[in-house]
Structures are given as C-alpha cells and as structure tokens.
Protein backbone atom coordinates (compact mmCIF):
# COMPACT_ATOMS: atom_id res chain seq x y z
CA MET A 1 -24.41 -34.99 45.63
CA ASP A 2 -28.16 -34.21 46.39
CA PHE A 3 -29.13 -32.39 49.64
CA GLU A 4 -32.07 -33.78 51.42
CA PRO A 5 -34.06 -31.10 52.48
CA SER A 6 -35.43 -31.39 56.12
CA ALA A 7 -39.07 -29.74 56.37
CA VAL A 8 -38.71 -28.41 59.71
CA PRO A 9 -35.31 -27.05 61.55
CA THR A 10 -35.38 -30.72 63.44
CA VAL A 11 -31.83 -31.16 65.63
CA GLY A 12 -30.15 -34.49 66.51
CA VAL A 13 -27.73 -34.61 69.12
CA GLU A 14 -24.63 -37.64 69.23
CA TRP A 15 -22.93 -37.54 72.77
CA GLU A 16 -19.54 -39.39 72.67
CA LEU A 17 -18.75 -40.75 76.28
CA GLN A 18 -16.27 -42.56 77.88
CA LEU A 19 -15.62 -46.71 79.26
CA LEU A 20 -13.93 -46.58 81.97
CA ASP A 21 -12.31 -49.42 84.57
CA PRO A 22 -14.25 -49.53 87.58
CA ILE A 23 -10.79 -49.66 89.89
CA THR A 24 -8.69 -48.11 88.06
CA LEU A 25 -10.51 -45.45 86.04
CA ASP A 26 -8.59 -46.42 83.00
CA LEU A 27 -10.13 -46.44 79.68
CA VAL A 28 -11.13 -49.94 79.08
CA ASP A 29 -11.90 -51.58 75.60
CA GLY A 30 -15.47 -51.89 76.63
CA ILE A 31 -17.61 -51.47 73.15
CA MET A 32 -17.46 -54.47 71.63
CA PRO A 33 -19.27 -56.45 74.68
CA LEU A 34 -21.56 -53.34 75.23
CA MET A 35 -23.07 -53.64 72.02
CA GLU A 36 -24.27 -57.28 72.86
CA PHE A 37 -27.06 -55.27 74.92
CA PHE A 38 -28.18 -52.72 71.82
CA PRO A 39 -27.52 -54.57 68.76
CA ARG A 40 -29.76 -52.68 66.25
CA ALA A 41 -27.47 -49.80 67.08
CA GLU A 42 -30.20 -46.91 67.31
CA ARG A 43 -29.11 -44.69 70.32
CA VAL A 44 -26.06 -46.50 71.38
CA LYS A 45 -23.22 -47.20 68.71
CA PRO A 46 -20.18 -47.59 68.36
CA GLU A 47 -17.14 -45.23 67.66
CA TYR A 48 -13.79 -45.18 65.84
CA ILE A 49 -12.02 -46.29 68.65
CA GLN A 50 -12.92 -49.10 71.29
CA SER A 51 -13.32 -47.08 74.40
CA CYS A 52 -16.04 -44.97 73.49
CA VAL A 53 -19.56 -44.90 73.08
CA GLU A 54 -21.93 -42.88 71.43
CA LEU A 55 -25.58 -42.07 72.65
CA THR A 56 -27.42 -40.40 69.92
CA THR A 57 -31.00 -38.64 69.63
CA ARG A 58 -33.90 -39.26 67.08
CA VAL A 59 -35.16 -36.48 64.76
CA CYS A 60 -36.02 -34.14 68.15
CA ASN A 61 -38.32 -30.99 67.52
CA ASN A 62 -35.83 -28.87 69.89
CA SER A 63 -33.49 -29.41 72.83
CA ALA A 64 -34.92 -30.13 75.51
CA GLU A 65 -36.65 -33.04 73.85
CA ALA A 66 -33.10 -34.14 72.47
CA ILE A 67 -31.74 -34.13 76.25
CA ALA A 68 -34.74 -36.13 77.50
CA ASP A 69 -34.45 -38.63 74.67
CA ILE A 70 -30.74 -38.68 75.11
CA SER A 71 -30.48 -38.72 79.38
CA GLY A 72 -33.13 -41.88 78.41
CA THR A 73 -30.38 -43.97 76.65
CA LEU A 74 -27.35 -42.81 78.97
CA THR A 75 -29.55 -44.77 81.73
CA LYS A 76 -30.09 -47.53 79.94
CA ALA A 77 -26.34 -47.38 78.71
CA LEU A 78 -25.25 -47.01 82.77
CA GLN A 79 -27.60 -50.10 83.38
CA ARG A 80 -25.30 -52.08 80.87
CA CYS A 81 -21.94 -50.89 81.62
CA ARG A 82 -22.77 -51.45 85.52
CA GLU A 83 -23.87 -55.50 84.09
CA LEU A 84 -19.88 -55.23 82.14
CA GLU A 85 -18.43 -53.66 85.01
CA MET A 86 -17.54 -50.42 83.15
CA GLY A 87 -17.92 -46.84 83.88
CA LEU A 88 -18.68 -43.63 81.83
CA CYS A 89 -17.60 -40.27 81.68
CA GLY A 90 -17.57 -36.91 80.01
CA ALA A 91 -14.91 -35.35 78.52
CA GLY A 92 -12.70 -34.58 75.98
CA THR A 93 -9.50 -36.34 76.84
CA HIS A 94 -8.96 -39.17 79.41
CA PRO A 95 -6.77 -37.42 81.93
CA PHE A 96 -4.14 -40.44 82.29
CA CYS A 97 -4.46 -42.86 79.29
CA ARG A 98 -1.49 -43.85 78.20
CA ARG A 99 -1.80 -46.47 76.07
CA LEU A 100 -2.86 -46.97 72.11
CA ALA A 101 -6.08 -46.88 70.68
CA LEU A 102 -7.94 -50.27 70.03
CA ILE A 103 -9.51 -49.40 66.49
CA THR A 104 -13.24 -50.74 66.23
CA PRO A 105 -13.50 -53.45 63.86
CA LEU A 106 -15.84 -52.24 61.48
CA PRO A 107 -15.34 -51.97 57.31
CA ARG A 108 -15.11 -47.90 57.43
CA TYR A 109 -12.94 -47.74 60.54
CA LYS A 110 -10.28 -50.45 59.04
CA ARG A 111 -10.12 -48.20 55.98
CA ILE A 112 -9.17 -45.76 57.74
CA ALA A 113 -6.93 -47.03 60.12
CA ALA A 114 -5.09 -48.51 57.29
CA ASP A 115 -4.28 -45.17 55.72
CA THR A 116 -3.61 -43.75 58.47
CA GLY A 117 -1.24 -45.58 60.05
CA ILE A 118 0.12 -45.05 63.89
CA LEU A 119 -2.21 -41.58 63.89
CA SER A 120 -5.01 -43.29 64.07
CA HIS A 121 -4.49 -45.16 67.52
CA THR A 122 -3.05 -41.87 69.01
CA GLN A 123 -6.00 -39.65 68.02
CA ILE A 124 -8.40 -40.70 71.70
CA THR A 125 -10.90 -38.00 71.89
CA PHE A 126 -14.63 -37.31 72.54
CA SER A 127 -16.69 -34.79 71.40
CA THR A 128 -20.09 -33.57 70.83
CA HIS A 129 -22.24 -32.79 67.44
CA VAL A 130 -25.36 -31.02 67.00
CA HIS A 131 -27.27 -31.61 63.81
CA VAL A 132 -29.46 -28.84 62.86
CA GLY A 133 -32.23 -29.47 59.96
CA MET A 134 -31.79 -26.89 56.87
CA ASN A 135 -34.02 -26.60 53.93
CA SER A 136 -31.70 -26.38 51.28
CA GLY A 137 -28.31 -26.78 50.96
CA ASP A 138 -27.77 -23.72 50.05
CA GLU A 139 -29.06 -22.64 53.10
CA ALA A 140 -26.58 -25.07 54.52
CA MET A 141 -23.58 -23.34 52.97
CA HIS A 142 -24.85 -20.03 53.51
CA ALA A 143 -25.41 -20.58 57.43
CA MET A 144 -22.10 -22.58 57.55
CA SER A 145 -20.25 -19.51 56.03
CA LEU A 146 -21.87 -16.88 58.76
CA LEU A 147 -20.96 -19.18 61.63
CA ILE A 148 -16.69 -20.25 60.76
CA PRO A 149 -16.25 -17.07 62.94
CA ALA A 150 -18.06 -18.50 66.08
CA VAL A 151 -16.62 -21.77 66.22
CA PRO A 152 -14.04 -20.19 68.90
CA VAL A 153 -16.71 -19.83 70.87
CA PHE A 154 -18.72 -23.35 71.06
CA ILE A 155 -14.91 -24.79 71.60
CA ALA A 156 -14.11 -22.66 74.76
CA MET A 157 -18.23 -23.09 76.25
CA SER A 158 -17.46 -26.95 75.35
CA ALA A 159 -13.82 -26.94 76.96
CA ASN A 160 -13.15 -30.20 78.68
CA SER A 161 -10.11 -31.66 78.24
CA PRO A 162 -7.18 -30.09 79.44
CA PHE A 163 -5.53 -33.07 80.78
CA TRP A 164 -3.76 -35.65 78.36
CA ARG A 165 -1.42 -38.73 79.26
CA GLY A 166 -0.76 -37.93 82.98
CA HIS A 167 -0.28 -34.56 82.05
CA GLU A 168 -1.57 -30.60 82.24
CA THR A 169 -1.54 -29.44 79.07
CA GLY A 170 -1.86 -25.77 79.78
CA HIS A 171 -5.09 -26.27 77.30
CA ALA A 172 -8.33 -25.62 78.21
CA ALA A 173 -9.27 -28.15 74.79
CA TYR A 174 -6.18 -30.12 74.06
CA ARG A 175 -8.53 -32.26 72.05
CA HIS A 176 -7.98 -29.86 69.60
CA ARG A 177 -3.91 -29.76 69.31
CA ILE A 178 -4.42 -34.01 69.15
CA LEU A 179 -6.52 -33.86 65.99
CA ALA A 180 -4.90 -31.31 64.18
CA ALA A 181 -2.65 -33.85 62.89
CA ALA A 182 -5.52 -35.49 60.58
CA PRO A 183 -6.24 -34.91 57.41
CA ASN A 184 -9.19 -32.73 56.66
CA TYR A 185 -10.07 -31.43 60.20
CA GLY A 186 -10.39 -28.12 61.37
CA LEU A 187 -12.49 -24.89 60.19
CA PRO A 188 -14.57 -25.41 57.14
CA GLU A 189 -13.62 -24.02 53.44
CA ARG A 190 -16.39 -21.16 52.57
CA PHE A 191 -18.90 -22.06 49.57
CA ALA A 192 -20.70 -19.87 47.49
CA ASP A 193 -23.59 -22.69 46.86
CA TRP A 194 -24.04 -25.91 47.09
CA GLN A 195 -23.42 -26.86 43.93
CA GLN A 196 -19.62 -25.37 45.08
CA TYR A 197 -19.44 -27.70 47.48
CA SER A 198 -20.60 -30.36 45.40
CA ARG A 199 -18.09 -30.08 43.00
CA PHE A 200 -15.66 -29.72 45.73
CA ILE A 201 -16.68 -33.42 47.08
CA GLY A 202 -16.61 -34.66 43.65
CA ALA A 203 -13.07 -33.58 43.27
CA ALA A 204 -12.09 -35.10 46.73
CA GLU A 205 -13.40 -37.90 45.77
CA ARG A 206 -11.73 -38.07 42.41
CA CYS A 207 -8.14 -37.47 43.87
CA GLY A 208 -8.56 -40.05 46.76
CA MET A 209 -8.23 -37.30 49.18
CA ILE A 210 -11.55 -38.77 51.03
CA GLU A 211 -13.77 -41.73 50.35
CA THR A 212 -17.11 -40.51 51.13
CA PHE A 213 -18.45 -36.92 52.70
CA LYS A 214 -18.36 -38.41 56.26
CA ASP A 215 -14.32 -38.47 55.60
CA ILE A 216 -14.58 -34.43 56.06
CA HIS A 217 -13.84 -34.00 60.01
CA TRP A 218 -14.11 -30.29 59.53
CA ASP A 219 -15.65 -28.27 62.31
CA ILE A 220 -19.01 -27.55 60.67
CA ARG A 221 -20.20 -29.61 58.11
CA PRO A 222 -23.21 -30.42 55.95
CA HIS A 223 -25.23 -34.09 56.59
CA PRO A 224 -27.25 -34.33 53.21
CA ASP A 225 -28.30 -37.82 53.77
CA PHE A 226 -29.88 -36.09 56.81
CA GLY A 227 -30.22 -32.65 55.74
CA THR A 228 -28.90 -30.88 58.41
CA LEU A 229 -25.86 -28.44 59.26
CA GLU A 230 -23.80 -30.55 61.85
CA LEU A 231 -22.23 -28.62 64.50
CA ARG A 232 -18.57 -30.83 65.69
CA ALA A 233 -16.51 -28.39 66.85
CA MET A 234 -17.15 -29.46 71.07
CA ASP A 235 -15.56 -31.58 73.32
CA SER A 236 -17.49 -34.11 74.90
CA VAL A 237 -19.70 -31.81 77.94
CA SER A 238 -19.73 -33.82 81.99
CA ASN A 239 -23.45 -33.58 81.76
CA PRO A 240 -26.94 -33.35 80.11
CA LYS A 241 -27.46 -30.29 81.74
CA ARG A 242 -24.67 -28.94 80.13
CA LEU A 243 -25.28 -30.47 77.05
CA LEU A 244 -28.77 -28.85 76.56
CA ALA A 245 -27.34 -25.04 76.97
CA LEU A 246 -24.80 -25.98 74.17
CA VAL A 247 -27.53 -27.22 72.26
CA ALA A 248 -29.94 -25.15 72.41
CA PHE A 249 -27.48 -22.35 71.78
CA ALA A 250 -25.86 -23.86 68.46
CA ARG A 251 -29.32 -24.20 67.49
CA SER A 252 -30.25 -21.35 67.64
CA LEU A 253 -27.60 -19.46 66.06
CA ILE A 254 -27.51 -21.95 63.70
CA LEU A 255 -31.27 -21.26 62.53
CA ARG A 256 -30.73 -17.22 63.57
CA LEU A 257 -27.57 -17.06 60.70
CA ALA A 258 -29.56 -19.31 57.83
CA ASN A 259 -31.71 -16.05 57.79
CA THR A 260 -29.23 -13.54 57.83
CA SER A 261 -27.98 -11.74 55.66
CA PHE A 262 -23.57 -11.32 55.60
CA ALA A 263 -24.03 -7.73 56.19
CA GLU A 264 -26.18 -8.25 59.22
CA ALA A 265 -24.11 -10.64 60.59
CA ALA A 266 -21.43 -8.82 59.74
CA THR A 267 -22.24 -6.16 62.32
CA LEU A 268 -21.15 -8.96 65.06
CA LEU A 269 -18.80 -11.43 63.24
CA PRO A 270 -16.00 -10.66 61.69
CA LEU A 271 -16.99 -12.09 58.51
CA ASP A 272 -14.12 -10.45 56.53
CA LEU A 273 -11.33 -11.79 58.94
CA PRO A 274 -7.94 -13.22 57.17
CA LYS A 275 -7.01 -16.96 57.68
CA TRP A 276 -3.88 -16.40 59.95
CA ALA A 277 -6.08 -14.57 62.35
CA GLU A 278 -9.31 -17.49 62.23
CA LYS A 279 -6.82 -19.99 62.80
CA GLN A 280 -5.15 -17.82 65.56
CA ASN A 281 -9.01 -17.40 67.78
CA ARG A 282 -9.20 -21.11 66.98
CA TYR A 283 -5.96 -21.69 68.73
CA ARG A 284 -6.73 -19.39 71.43
CA ALA A 285 -10.38 -20.60 72.43
CA ALA A 286 -8.83 -24.14 72.50
CA HIS A 287 -5.93 -23.04 75.05
CA SER A 288 -7.54 -20.28 77.47
CA GLY A 289 -11.06 -21.31 77.16
CA LEU A 290 -13.88 -18.41 77.56
CA ASP A 291 -11.10 -16.26 78.89
CA ALA A 292 -8.97 -15.86 75.55
CA GLU A 293 -8.99 -12.73 73.66
CA PHE A 294 -10.87 -12.88 70.37
CA ILE A 295 -9.21 -11.08 67.51
CA ILE A 296 -12.12 -9.00 65.56
CA ASN A 297 -10.21 -7.74 62.36
CA ALA A 298 -6.83 -7.81 60.27
CA ASN A 299 -5.19 -4.78 62.60
CA GLY A 300 -4.67 -7.69 65.46
CA GLU A 301 -7.56 -5.71 67.92
CA HIS A 302 -9.66 -8.19 70.10
CA ARG A 303 -11.83 -8.56 72.35
CA LEU A 304 -12.43 -11.37 75.52
CA LEU A 305 -13.96 -13.85 73.52
CA ARG A 306 -17.13 -14.55 76.59
CA ASP A 307 -17.93 -10.88 75.68
CA LEU A 308 -18.20 -12.08 72.03
CA ALA A 309 -20.26 -15.25 73.03
CA ALA A 310 -22.90 -13.10 75.53
CA ASP A 311 -23.87 -10.91 72.35
CA LEU A 312 -24.31 -13.80 70.08
CA ILE A 313 -26.59 -15.41 72.96
CA ASP A 314 -28.82 -11.96 72.87
CA PHE A 315 -28.22 -12.46 69.07
CA CYS A 316 -30.43 -15.29 68.60
CA ARG A 317 -33.21 -14.98 72.03
CA ALA A 318 -36.19 -13.73 69.19
CA THR A 319 -35.20 -17.26 67.15
CA ALA A 320 -34.74 -19.52 70.55
CA GLU A 321 -38.37 -18.40 71.47
CA ARG A 322 -40.14 -19.06 68.00
CA TYR A 323 -38.31 -21.94 68.01
CA GLY A 324 -39.11 -23.21 71.80
CA GLU A 325 -34.82 -22.69 73.12
CA THR A 326 -35.54 -20.18 75.44
CA SER A 327 -35.02 -22.03 78.66
CA GLY A 328 -32.26 -23.83 77.05
CA LEU A 329 -30.70 -20.27 75.45
CA ALA A 330 -30.97 -19.16 79.67
CA LEU A 331 -28.62 -21.90 80.81
CA ALA A 332 -26.01 -21.07 77.66
CA SER A 333 -26.02 -17.64 79.30
CA GLU A 334 -25.02 -19.37 82.60
CA LEU A 335 -22.30 -21.27 81.24
CA LEU A 336 -20.80 -17.68 80.85
CA THR A 337 -20.50 -16.88 84.97
CA VAL A 338 -20.19 -20.34 86.62
CA LYS A 339 -17.06 -22.38 86.62
CA PRO A 340 -16.20 -23.57 83.28
CA ASP A 341 -15.24 -28.18 82.85
CA TYR A 342 -11.75 -28.02 82.11
CA GLN A 343 -11.70 -25.68 85.20
CA ARG A 344 -13.36 -28.17 87.72
CA GLN A 345 -11.28 -30.57 86.20
CA ARG A 346 -8.20 -28.79 87.27
CA GLU A 347 -9.16 -27.81 90.36
CA VAL A 348 -9.64 -31.01 91.43
CA PHE A 349 -6.22 -31.99 90.42
CA GLY A 350 -4.90 -29.84 92.36
CA GLN A 351 -6.71 -30.64 95.99
CA THR A 352 -5.72 -34.10 95.31
CA GLU A 353 -2.66 -34.11 92.95
CA HIS A 354 -3.54 -37.23 91.55
CA LEU A 355 -5.94 -37.59 88.44
CA PRO A 356 -7.72 -40.99 89.10
CA PRO A 357 -9.98 -38.34 91.28
CA VAL A 358 -10.77 -36.21 88.48
CA VAL A 359 -12.59 -39.28 86.09
CA LYS A 360 -14.45 -40.12 89.96
CA ASP A 361 -15.53 -36.41 89.84
CA LEU A 362 -16.42 -36.39 85.75
CA GLN A 363 -18.42 -39.58 86.98
CA HIS A 364 -20.43 -37.95 89.39
CA ALA A 365 -20.52 -34.89 87.28
CA LEU A 366 -22.31 -36.73 84.38
CA LEU A 367 -25.50 -37.06 86.62
CA ASP A 368 -26.25 -33.21 86.70
CA GLY A 369 -29.70 -33.04 84.78
CA CYS A 370 -30.35 -36.57 83.33
CA ALA A 371 -33.84 -36.74 82.99
CA ASP A 372 -34.49 -39.68 85.92
CA THR A 373 -31.93 -38.34 88.63
CA GLU A 374 -32.68 -41.01 91.24
CA LYS A 375 -32.78 -44.09 89.20
CA ILE A 376 -29.53 -43.09 87.69
CA THR A 377 -28.04 -42.56 91.36
CA SER A 378 -28.74 -45.84 92.13
CA ILE A 379 -27.08 -47.40 89.26
CA TYR A 380 -24.16 -45.62 89.66
CA ARG A 381 -23.82 -46.12 93.46
CA VAL A 382 -23.71 -49.96 92.49
CA ALA A 383 -21.75 -49.44 89.52
CA ARG A 384 -18.79 -47.99 91.50
C-alpha cells in the first residue's frame, strides 16, 4: 500500500452536524433531500446515518483558512436546510432521540450495515476529524505512535455528548461508549514504519476483518490516498470558533511530534504506559472531561488532564508560529479556562429540566465564530 506524500503540511477538516426537525428538535432523516442541492458532494457530504451531514474543507494551508472555508459551507448548508424546513447543530450525540438510525443507501454503508446488523442502527454519533499532511508514511507512523497518549486530551477538550436517549449519562463524551461496541475502534496499534502498517492492512483484508483501510476506525489513522494523518477522536464541536481552536492545536501538535524524537516526547508524554493505563486514561477523559486524572506511569501516579493539555499547548507554540497557527493555538489555550461544551449542555438542562432547550441552545451556539455572522444569523432566524 503506497502512501501519497504531502509536499507541505496541509490541513483539512471534516465536521459532522445533526439534522433537526425545526418543531420537535429531534433528529430528522434529511440527508437525501439535502444532497439534491449539492449533487457533486465536494464540501457537503452524506455520512453513514441519514440524520447527519458532513461539512468538509478543501486542502488548506492553515487552520484559519480551513475554518473560513467550512464557515462559508455552513452558511450554504443552513440556507438549504431552511428551504427544507430543517435545522442544524453540532454535538457528539443528540440529547433525546430514541429511535434507530436510518442508514444512508450508499454501497459502502449498505455493506457495513449488512455486516454489523442492529449495531449499525444504534451508533447515532457525530464527530470532528482533522487531517494533517505528512511527507511520508514513515513520518505518519512516527507521529501516530507519539500522539497516542495525547488522545485523551483531545477527547476531553472536544467533549460534547453528556446526554443520550433522554438520559444524563454522567459522561462528558458519551459518544465513545456508544462506539465502543464497534469493531476496529479506539486507540490504534503502534507500528515501527509504513511497511509494518502495510503488512497489517494486507493481513486484515485477507482475513476479512476489513475491506479497505477506511474500515479502520481508530482514534488516529493514516489516510494514504490523501497523504495525511487523521485525528478522529473528537466529538462534533458546537461552533466554528471551538473548531478553529482544536484544529490549530491538533495540527500544531502533530507537526511538532512528527519532528520529535521518542526521547524528547517522553519528557512530556508517557510513551511506555501499559495498555490498561492507556485504556483507562481514554475512559477517564470521556467520563470526566478536563477534570479527569491522567495516569502517568505503571505505578498509578496521575496528574490533572487539564494541566497536561496546557503543557502540550506550550510544547507546540514554536511549531504553531512556524505554520501560521498562533491565533488558533491561543484559542485552544482559552478552552482550558472557559465553560466546556458538555458543561454548557448540563447547565441548560439544569435550568429548564427539559432537553429540547439543550438542542435549541446548541443551534444558537453553532453561530459563534462563523465567517459571516450577520448573514448566517438572518438565515437562522428564518429557519427557527
């Protein structure tokens, strides 16, 4: 399997949003009529379930450029949703939808649904993916290996799914518990180089574990066709401003680690943790968000995850400056001090004791940081 290298460290974003009934605020299976407005599916795409729309960027030079691009697409998507009497919001789960998902009738999705049965209809989740250009497959494997212990930081900073099927779950990012039932999900394995990863993919295809590398749904995976390393661990965030912060942080850290030795990275990240500790750190981040205690060694010593996030932001400041991510990284630092998305959802529910107002608040939050706020607010007012 060949890796198509990126000549420069580009960035691309995939942002999955929820399609809503404007009256009930429940999910609506609206992707098929929406796609009639976007037949070439370049920036607005269908996803696995019909209540989800994926907004994507072109290949961009930095995160600010990517978020400006996706904000423009968001404006267009809201216009079309208004015409179809649908709403949009960003969150990892819908707070109160109870029905099973309707699968989008595309060949790959139909094949997955046939293979996984009822499981395919219960995984109603929405995420954010970030692609960062790598100059070789070996570089992608090196960066992925060093990034593994940092995955809980991105889970916690993006956590936006505290409710599920009408229940307060007690988790900041319950999306991960839903997806835990799926095969080929979670933290990736470590590979010494691209050749070793290629052998794994070949074996997985031959034994019928996967049909293509796209069936590997790890938190981090290489995308050889794009020449990128893809971070897939984050919930769908609530608005473009938070999206910019997390994309800038992800790109800066990935590029920093791609050019960092194991020994240097080990001064900040616990690269030799046993599997049980890595799994526990991931669970804790999804459960407690930024307030999670992060295990740092096999003896069980730990530190606050929020503090590790701050150290990682400091660790990649020079890289952010080099690649035009300084302002976005500053926003990432702010995320450690402002109210997280999962807490905002809980507070709205606490004030009203009803979940539709939580969805309504998520609709309002979607506008924060949009490229054309006045225009998009006008569209939104008509839509609601």
